[in-house]
Amino acid sequence: MKIPHRASTLLLFFFGLMTNLALAAEDPIPTRFSLAASFGKTYSPNNDIDFVLATGAALFDYDRVWPHRAPESLRFKVEGSIGMTTAPRHRALVSVNMLALYFVDGLETHLLRPYVEAGIGLIYTDFQVDGQGLRLNFNPQAGLGMEIKSEDGPPWYAAIRLHHISNGELHDDNDGINAAVLQVGRFF
């Protein structure tokens, strides 16, 4: 099986990224880990696909992963998700994503720490919509969220994301799927 040039470039990029993440272990801003549940609903090409995901994530100091100066409030998030569609039928979903997350500290309160995030990943869907072309696709997304501080342990968080699935023209058929996603999780 021949791997397309774009896919091999992406694989090399993820290998380099994982190497940098291993080097980021000595980070003065501690690396944090979280678990979350995500609930999504498509809005394009139709609104009949619902899905749920379980997501594990790691949040790193951005300039330790990408060796250049970055704002103090910028983080780098790597996450992996597994789940399934719940409507119109049960089908599997698996994804890996990387996102830049920026805390908007000017809006922070004693209880809430808002953030914006955006990134890209790869997603495998055990289904295809008409004109989708591939089951393995790119997964760009962007959202707004907030950490919710807790007196009895690590913070909770909630986010709303816009989520896109398409193959980036690796196949002639490249109709995308767009969804709104609600994510709720907790750091540990």
C-alpha atoms as a PDB file:
ATOM      1  CA  MET A   1       0.000   0.000   0.000  1.00  0.00           C
ATOM      2  CA  LYS A   2       1.446   3.336  -1.023  1.00  0.00           C
ATOM      3  CA  ILE A   3       1.194   6.097   1.621  1.00  0.00           C
ATOM      4  CA  PRO A   4       0.330   9.489   0.075  1.00  0.00           C
ATOM      5  CA  HIS A   5       2.983  12.195   0.473  1.00  0.00           C
ATOM      6  CA  ARG A   6       0.743  14.307   2.751  1.00  0.00           C
ATOM      7  CA  ALA A   7       0.092  11.342   5.042  1.00  0.00           C
ATOM      8  CA  SER A   8       3.811  10.471   5.345  1.00  0.00           C
ATOM      9  CA  THR A   9       4.609  14.119   6.120  1.00  0.00           C
ATOM     10  CA  LEU A  10       1.940  14.098   8.815  1.00  0.00           C
ATOM     11  CA  LEU A  11       3.327  10.878  10.324  1.00  0.00           C
ATOM     12  CA  LEU A  12       6.826  12.400  10.485  1.00  0.00           C
ATOM     13  CA  PHE A  13       5.366  15.528  12.086  1.00  0.00           C
ATOM     14  CA  PHE A  14       3.627  13.473  14.821  1.00  0.00           C
ATOM     15  CA  PHE A  15       6.858  11.504  15.455  1.00  0.00           C
ATOM     16  CA  GLY A  16       8.777  14.782  15.930  1.00  0.00           C
ATOM     17  CA  LEU A  17       6.014  16.081  18.167  1.00  0.00           C
ATOM     18  CA  MET A  18       6.138  13.020  20.428  1.00  0.00           C
ATOM     19  CA  THR A  19       9.922  13.454  20.732  1.00  0.00           C
ATOM     20  CA  ASN A  20       9.447  17.076  21.837  1.00  0.00           C
ATOM     21  CA  LEU A  21       6.767  16.008  24.331  1.00  0.00           C
ATOM     22  CA  ALA A  22       9.182  13.571  25.924  1.00  0.00           C
ATOM     23  CA  LEU A  23      11.705  16.403  26.302  1.00  0.00           C
ATOM     24  CA  ALA A  24       9.033  18.613  27.906  1.00  0.00           C
ATOM     25  CA  ALA A  25       8.894  16.391  31.012  1.00  0.00           C
ATOM     26  CA  GLU A  26      11.167  18.826  32.924  1.00  0.00           C
ATOM     27  CA  ASP A  27       8.644  21.655  32.477  1.00  0.00           C
ATOM     28  CA  PRO A  28       8.546  24.317  35.252  1.00  0.00           C
ATOM     29  CA  ILE A  29       4.789  24.704  34.586  1.00  0.00           C
ATOM     30  CA  PRO A  30       3.502  21.261  35.507  1.00  0.00           C
ATOM     31  CA  THR A  31       2.054  19.000  32.874  1.00  0.00           C
ATOM     32  CA  ARG A  32      -1.564  18.208  33.687  1.00  0.00           C
ATOM     33  CA  PHE A  33      -3.715  15.279  32.637  1.00  0.00           C
ATOM     34  CA  SER A  34      -7.485  15.053  32.275  1.00  0.00           C
ATOM     35  CA  LEU A  35     -10.399  12.827  31.384  1.00  0.00           C
ATOM     36  CA  ALA A  36     -13.556  14.122  29.698  1.00  0.00           C
ATOM     37  CA  ALA A  37     -16.811  13.120  28.086  1.00  0.00           C
ATOM     38  CA  SER A  38     -17.824  14.785  24.816  1.00  0.00           C
ATOM     39  CA  PHE A  39     -21.279  14.948  23.288  1.00  0.00           C
ATOM     40  CA  GLY A  40     -21.691  16.012  19.667  1.00  0.00           C
ATOM     41  CA  LYS A  41     -24.376  16.733  17.091  1.00  0.00           C
ATOM     42  CA  THR A  42     -23.761  17.322  13.392  1.00  0.00           C
ATOM     43  CA  TYR A  43     -25.203  20.383  11.695  1.00  0.00           C
ATOM     44  CA  SER A  44     -23.815  19.857   8.182  1.00  0.00           C
ATOM     45  CA  PRO A  45     -24.348  18.120   5.758  1.00  0.00           C
ATOM     46  CA  ASN A  46     -27.357  17.177   7.939  1.00  0.00           C
ATOM     47  CA  ASN A  47     -28.225  17.074  11.633  1.00  0.00           C
ATOM     48  CA  ASP A  48     -28.921  13.385  12.068  1.00  0.00           C
ATOM     49  CA  ILE A  49     -25.579  12.172  13.498  1.00  0.00           C
ATOM     50  CA  ASP A  50     -25.115  12.214  17.299  1.00  0.00           C
ATOM     51  CA  PHE A  51     -21.968  10.945  19.017  1.00  0.00           C
ATOM     52  CA  VAL A  52     -20.285  10.496  22.400  1.00  0.00           C
ATOM     53  CA  LEU A  53     -16.542  10.315  23.099  1.00  0.00           C
ATOM     54  CA  ALA A  54     -14.343   9.545  26.080  1.00  0.00           C
ATOM     55  CA  THR A  55     -11.224  11.741  25.913  1.00  0.00           C
ATOM     56  CA  GLY A  56      -7.890  11.614  27.713  1.00  0.00           C
ATOM     57  CA  ALA A  57      -5.649  14.675  27.404  1.00  0.00           C
ATOM     58  CA  ALA A  58      -2.295  16.084  28.484  1.00  0.00           C
ATOM     59  CA  LEU A  59      -1.730  19.846  28.832  1.00  0.00           C
ATOM     60  CA  PHE A  60       1.875  21.066  28.440  1.00  0.00           C
ATOM     61  CA  ASP A  61       3.628  24.424  28.732  1.00  0.00           C
ATOM     62  CA  TYR A  62       3.647  25.541  25.076  1.00  0.00           C
ATOM     63  CA  ASP A  63       7.199  26.881  24.829  1.00  0.00           C
ATOM     64  CA  ARG A  64       8.643  23.682  26.311  1.00  0.00           C
ATOM     65  CA  VAL A  65       7.148  21.651  23.454  1.00  0.00           C
ATOM     66  CA  TRP A  66       7.746  24.205  20.699  1.00  0.00           C
ATOM     67  CA  PRO A  67      11.139  25.745  21.570  1.00  0.00           C
ATOM     68  CA  HIS A  68      10.468  29.434  21.047  1.00  0.00           C
ATOM     69  CA  ARG A  69       9.097  32.236  23.185  1.00  0.00           C
ATOM     70  CA  ALA A  70       5.379  31.998  23.801  1.00  0.00           C
ATOM     71  CA  PRO A  71       2.916  33.870  26.013  1.00  0.00           C
ATOM     72  CA  GLU A  72       2.829  32.606  29.601  1.00  0.00           C
ATOM     73  CA  SER A  73      -0.870  31.689  29.247  1.00  0.00           C
ATOM     74  CA  LEU A  74      -0.365  29.490  26.150  1.00  0.00           C
ATOM     75  CA  ARG A  75      -0.508  25.705  26.521  1.00  0.00           C
ATOM     76  CA  PHE A  76      -0.205  22.758  24.158  1.00  0.00           C
ATOM     77  CA  LYS A  77      -2.838  20.034  24.447  1.00  0.00           C
ATOM     78  CA  VAL A  78      -2.618  16.496  23.082  1.00  0.00           C
ATOM     79  CA  GLU A  79      -5.725  14.376  23.330  1.00  0.00           C
ATOM     80  CA  GLY A  80      -6.995  10.978  22.286  1.00  0.00           C
ATOM     81  CA  SER A  81     -10.663  10.051  22.047  1.00  0.00           C
ATOM     82  CA  ILE A  82     -12.670   6.892  21.542  1.00  0.00           C
ATOM     83  CA  GLY A  83     -16.401   6.668  21.186  1.00  0.00           C
ATOM     84  CA  MET A  84     -19.312   5.998  18.930  1.00  0.00           C
ATOM     85  CA  THR A  85     -22.193   7.489  17.077  1.00  0.00           C
ATOM     86  CA  THR A  86     -25.498   7.049  18.887  1.00  0.00           C
ATOM     87  CA  ALA A  87     -27.747   8.055  15.984  1.00  0.00           C
ATOM     88  CA  PRO A  88     -28.707   7.146  13.364  1.00  0.00           C
ATOM     89  CA  ARG A  89     -26.857   3.889  14.173  1.00  0.00           C
ATOM     90  CA  HIS A  90     -23.984   2.787  16.405  1.00  0.00           C
ATOM     91  CA  ARG A  91     -20.580   3.133  14.691  1.00  0.00           C
ATOM     92  CA  ALA A  92     -17.045   3.564  16.116  1.00  0.00           C
ATOM     93  CA  LEU A  93     -15.003   6.802  16.271  1.00  0.00           C
ATOM     94  CA  VAL A  94     -11.327   7.148  17.253  1.00  0.00           C
ATOM     95  CA  SER A  95      -9.270  10.364  17.108  1.00  0.00           C
ATOM     96  CA  VAL A  96      -5.975  11.959  18.135  1.00  0.00           C
ATOM     97  CA  ASN A  97      -5.700  15.739  18.245  1.00  0.00           C
ATOM     98  CA  MET A  98      -3.293  18.517  19.124  1.00  0.00           C
ATOM     99  CA  LEU A  99      -4.477  21.971  20.091  1.00  0.00           C
ATOM    100  CA  ALA A 100      -3.072  25.289  21.211  1.00  0.00           C
ATOM    101  CA  LEU A 101      -4.949  26.442  24.316  1.00  0.00           C
ATOM    102  CA  TYR A 102      -4.754  30.054  25.493  1.00  0.00           C
ATOM    103  CA  PHE A 103      -6.006  31.070  28.937  1.00  0.00           C
ATOM    104  CA  VAL A 104      -7.679  34.495  28.834  1.00  0.00           C
ATOM    105  CA  ASP A 105      -6.322  35.466  32.252  1.00  0.00           C
ATOM    106  CA  GLY A 106      -7.745  39.005  32.022  1.00  0.00           C
ATOM    107  CA  LEU A 107     -11.218  37.443  32.434  1.00  0.00           C
ATOM    108  CA  GLU A 108     -10.260  35.021  35.242  1.00  0.00           C
ATOM    109  CA  THR A 109     -12.299  35.073  38.464  1.00  0.00           C
ATOM    110  CA  HIS A 110     -11.824  33.287  41.777  1.00  0.00           C
ATOM    111  CA  LEU A 111     -13.918  30.412  40.352  1.00  0.00           C
ATOM    112  CA  LEU A 112     -13.461  30.453  36.535  1.00  0.00           C
ATOM    113  CA  ARG A 113     -10.469  30.577  34.150  1.00  0.00           C
ATOM    114  CA  PRO A 114     -11.680  30.978  30.539  1.00  0.00           C
ATOM    115  CA  TYR A 115      -9.721  29.810  27.499  1.00  0.00           C
ATOM    116  CA  VAL A 116      -9.829  29.531  23.721  1.00  0.00           C
ATOM    117  CA  GLU A 117      -8.395  26.565  21.845  1.00  0.00           C
ATOM    118  CA  ALA A 118      -7.871  25.443  18.262  1.00  0.00           C
ATOM    119  CA  GLY A 119      -6.053  22.610  16.571  1.00  0.00           C
ATOM    120  CA  ILE A 120      -6.112  19.647  14.225  1.00  0.00           C
ATOM    121  CA  GLY A 121      -5.938  15.893  14.386  1.00  0.00           C
ATOM    122  CA  LEU A 122      -6.812  12.647  12.687  1.00  0.00           C
ATOM    123  CA  ILE A 123     -10.113  10.843  13.112  1.00  0.00           C
ATOM    124  CA  TYR A 124     -11.239   7.389  12.028  1.00  0.00           C
ATOM    125  CA  THR A 125     -14.968   6.973  11.508  1.00  0.00           C
ATOM    126  CA  ASP A 126     -16.492   3.538  11.038  1.00  0.00           C
ATOM    127  CA  PHE A 127     -19.013   5.120   8.685  1.00  0.00           C
ATOM    128  CA  GLN A 128     -19.080   7.471   5.711  1.00  0.00           C
ATOM    129  CA  VAL A 129     -21.590  10.062   4.552  1.00  0.00           C
ATOM    130  CA  ASP A 130     -22.295  10.396   0.834  1.00  0.00           C
ATOM    131  CA  GLY A 131     -19.286  11.991  -0.868  1.00  0.00           C
ATOM    132  CA  GLN A 132     -16.936  11.616   2.127  1.00  0.00           C
ATOM    133  CA  GLY A 133     -14.408   9.421   0.321  1.00  0.00           C
ATOM    134  CA  LEU A 134     -12.338   8.096   3.247  1.00  0.00           C
ATOM    135  CA  ARG A 135     -12.832   6.772   6.775  1.00  0.00           C
ATOM    136  CA  LEU A 136      -9.532   8.274   8.033  1.00  0.00           C
ATOM    137  CA  ASN A 137      -9.810  12.062   7.891  1.00  0.00           C
ATOM    138  CA  PHE A 138      -8.408  15.308   9.247  1.00  0.00           C
ATOM    139  CA  ASN A 139     -10.218  16.803  12.223  1.00  0.00           C
ATOM    140  CA  PRO A 140      -9.690  20.582  12.627  1.00  0.00           C
ATOM    141  CA  GLN A 141     -11.572  22.136  15.548  1.00  0.00           C
ATOM    142  CA  ALA A 142     -11.832  25.306  17.614  1.00  0.00           C
ATOM    143  CA  GLY A 143     -13.643  26.192  20.794  1.00  0.00           C
ATOM    144  CA  LEU A 144     -14.218  28.187  23.944  1.00  0.00           C
ATOM    145  CA  GLY A 145     -13.958  26.751  27.418  1.00  0.00           C
ATOM    146  CA  MET A 146     -13.309  27.389  31.059  1.00  0.00           C
ATOM    147  CA  GLU A 147     -11.650  25.711  33.980  1.00  0.00           C
ATOM    148  CA  ILE A 148     -13.913  25.583  37.008  1.00  0.00           C
ATOM    149  CA  LYS A 149     -11.902  25.673  40.220  1.00  0.00           C
ATOM    150  CA  SER A 150     -12.844  23.192  42.913  1.00  0.00           C
ATOM    151  CA  GLU A 151     -12.217  23.410  46.654  1.00  0.00           C
ATOM    152  CA  ASP A 152     -12.076  19.637  46.963  1.00  0.00           C
ATOM    153  CA  GLY A 153      -9.438  18.824  44.337  1.00  0.00           C
ATOM    154  CA  PRO A 154      -8.282  19.542  40.800  1.00  0.00           C
ATOM    155  CA  PRO A 155     -10.378  21.796  38.560  1.00  0.00           C
ATOM    156  CA  TRP A 156     -13.204  20.713  36.292  1.00  0.00           C
ATOM    157  CA  TYR A 157     -13.539  22.125  32.788  1.00  0.00           C
ATOM    158  CA  ALA A 158     -16.226  22.592  30.158  1.00  0.00           C
ATOM    159  CA  ALA A 159     -15.820  23.559  26.507  1.00  0.00           C
ATOM    160  CA  ILE A 160     -17.889  24.069  23.381  1.00  0.00           C
ATOM    161  CA  ARG A 161     -16.161  23.275  20.097  1.00  0.00           C
ATOM    162  CA  LEU A 162     -16.877  23.396  16.404  1.00  0.00           C
ATOM    163  CA  HIS A 163     -15.607  20.156  14.922  1.00  0.00           C
ATOM    164  CA  HIS A 164     -14.910  19.432  11.220  1.00  0.00           C
ATOM    165  CA  ILE A 165     -14.115  16.155   9.468  1.00  0.00           C
ATOM    166  CA  SER A 166     -12.726  15.997   5.910  1.00  0.00           C
ATOM    167  CA  ASN A 167      -9.898  14.315   4.028  1.00  0.00           C
ATOM    168  CA  GLY A 168      -8.074  17.471   2.924  1.00  0.00           C
ATOM    169  CA  GLU A 169      -8.511  16.488  -0.738  1.00  0.00           C
ATOM    170  CA  LEU A 170      -6.548  13.250  -0.378  1.00  0.00           C
ATOM    171  CA  HIS A 171      -9.507  11.685  -2.203  1.00  0.00           C
ATOM    172  CA  ASP A 172     -11.666  13.068  -5.016  1.00  0.00           C
ATOM    173  CA  ASP A 173     -14.743  12.810  -2.773  1.00  0.00           C
ATOM    174  CA  ASN A 174     -14.213  15.297   0.077  1.00  0.00           C
ATOM    175  CA  ASP A 175     -17.586  16.227   1.516  1.00  0.00           C
ATOM    176  CA  GLY A 176     -17.076  17.232   5.123  1.00  0.00           C
ATOM    177  CA  ILE A 177     -19.026  16.698   8.314  1.00  0.00           C
ATOM    178  CA  ASN A 178     -19.452  19.588  10.766  1.00  0.00           C
ATOM    179  CA  ALA A 179     -20.575  19.236  14.368  1.00  0.00           C
ATOM    180  CA  ALA A 180     -20.997  21.181  17.593  1.00  0.00           C
ATOM    181  CA  VAL A 181     -19.443  19.433  20.595  1.00  0.00           C
ATOM    182  CA  LEU A 182     -19.898  19.900  24.351  1.00  0.00           C
ATOM    183  CA  GLN A 183     -16.989  18.587  26.439  1.00  0.00           C
ATOM    184  CA  VAL A 184     -16.990  18.213  30.234  1.00  0.00           C
ATOM    185  CA  GLY A 185     -13.994  16.869  32.134  1.00  0.00           C
ATOM    186  CA  ARG A 186     -11.704  17.035  35.146  1.00  0.00           C
ATOM    187  CA  PHE A 187      -7.971  17.258  35.668  1.00  0.00           C
ATOM    188  CA  PHE A 188      -6.251  14.788  37.981  1.00  0.00           C
END
